[in-house]
Amino acid sequence: MANTNQARKRARQAVARNQHLSAQRSQYRTAIKAVRKFIVAGDKTAAAEAFKKAQRVIDSMSSKGVLHKNAAARHKSRLSASIKAMA
């Protein structure tokens, strides 16, 4: 357990930050799952629409530091390639 005031405050901040980042990660993962669902179903137009929305979420998470920029680029690239391969 934290013994100093500073350590107690850091513990409180860590809990709050963890809740906030967990919610953002969940939003990001949900967006990717939506795209993958349409890819598996074979619905290219719906997958493309979901990808547009997911792209915004992925870029947002990358700019906020929730996700590394290279990881964001990798996810977008792989989703895009999967959609193009449906043709």
Protein backbone atom coordinates (compact mmCIF):
# COMPACT_ATOMS: atom_id res chain seq x y z
CA MET A 1 0.00 0.00 0.00
CA ALA A 2 1.11 3.55 -0.73
CA ASN A 3 2.64 5.26 2.29
CA THR A 4 3.20 8.83 1.13
CA ASN A 5 0.70 11.38 -0.11
CA GLN A 6 2.39 11.42 -3.48
CA ALA A 7 2.19 7.64 -3.82
CA ARG A 8 -1.48 7.64 -2.79
CA LYS A 9 -2.27 10.25 -5.42
CA ARG A 10 -0.36 8.33 -8.09
CA ALA A 11 -2.33 5.19 -7.18
CA ARG A 12 -5.62 7.09 -7.54
CA GLN A 13 -4.50 8.54 -10.88
CA ALA A 14 -3.44 5.12 -12.13
CA VAL A 15 -6.89 3.68 -11.40
CA ALA A 16 -8.65 6.54 -13.18
CA ARG A 17 -6.28 6.38 -16.16
CA ASN A 18 -6.69 2.62 -16.42
CA GLN A 19 -10.50 2.92 -16.55
CA HIS A 20 -10.30 5.62 -19.22
CA LEU A 21 -7.82 3.72 -21.39
CA SER A 22 -9.76 0.48 -20.99
CA ALA A 23 -12.87 2.16 -22.35
CA GLN A 24 -10.94 3.56 -25.30
CA ARG A 25 -9.28 0.21 -26.07
CA SER A 26 -12.71 -1.43 -25.97
CA GLN A 27 -14.09 1.09 -28.46
CA TYR A 28 -11.12 0.46 -30.77
CA ARG A 29 -11.44 -3.32 -30.58
CA THR A 30 -15.19 -3.18 -31.18
CA ALA A 31 -14.63 -1.14 -34.35
CA ILE A 32 -12.18 -3.73 -35.68
CA LYS A 33 -14.51 -6.61 -34.81
CA ALA A 34 -17.33 -4.95 -36.77
CA VAL A 35 -15.16 -4.83 -39.90
CA ARG A 36 -14.02 -8.43 -39.48
CA LYS A 37 -17.62 -9.56 -39.02
CA PHE A 38 -18.59 -8.14 -42.43
CA ILE A 39 -15.44 -9.56 -44.05
CA VAL A 40 -16.29 -13.07 -42.79
CA ALA A 41 -19.90 -12.63 -43.92
CA GLY A 42 -18.66 -11.64 -47.40
CA ASP A 43 -20.45 -8.28 -47.48
CA LYS A 44 -17.88 -6.02 -49.16
CA THR A 45 -19.91 -2.78 -49.14
CA ALA A 46 -20.79 -3.08 -45.46
CA ALA A 47 -17.18 -3.98 -44.68
CA ALA A 48 -15.97 -0.87 -46.52
CA GLU A 49 -18.42 1.33 -44.59
CA ALA A 50 -17.41 -0.22 -41.28
CA PHE A 51 -13.76 0.22 -42.25
CA LYS A 52 -14.27 3.96 -42.77
CA LYS A 53 -15.67 4.25 -39.25
CA ALA A 54 -12.96 2.00 -37.81
CA GLN A 55 -10.27 4.09 -39.49
CA ARG A 56 -11.44 7.18 -37.61
CA VAL A 57 -11.42 5.29 -34.31
CA ILE A 58 -7.98 3.77 -34.96
CA ASP A 59 -6.47 7.13 -35.91
CA SER A 60 -8.04 8.74 -32.87
CA MET A 61 -6.59 6.11 -30.53
CA SER A 62 -3.21 6.48 -32.19
CA SER A 63 -3.16 10.25 -31.75
CA LYS A 64 -4.20 9.93 -28.10
CA GLY A 65 -1.38 7.50 -27.38
CA VAL A 66 -3.62 4.53 -26.63
CA LEU A 67 -2.17 2.72 -29.65
CA HIS A 68 1.27 3.04 -31.22
CA LYS A 69 1.22 4.70 -34.64
CA ASN A 70 2.84 1.70 -36.34
CA ALA A 71 0.32 -0.68 -34.77
CA ALA A 72 -2.49 1.57 -36.00
CA ALA A 73 -1.03 1.58 -39.51
CA ARG A 74 -0.65 -2.19 -39.41
CA HIS A 75 -4.27 -2.75 -38.38
CA LYS A 76 -5.59 -0.39 -41.05
CA SER A 77 -3.39 -1.97 -43.70
CA ARG A 78 -4.45 -5.52 -42.88
CA LEU A 79 -8.14 -4.65 -42.74
CA SER A 80 -7.87 -2.80 -46.06
CA ALA A 81 -6.06 -5.72 -47.68
CA SER A 82 -8.72 -8.13 -46.43
CA ILE A 83 -11.47 -5.97 -47.93
CA LYS A 84 -9.63 -5.68 -51.27
CA ALA A 85 -9.10 -9.44 -51.36
CA MET A 86 -12.87 -9.97 -51.27
CA ALA A 87 -13.20 -8.79 -54.90
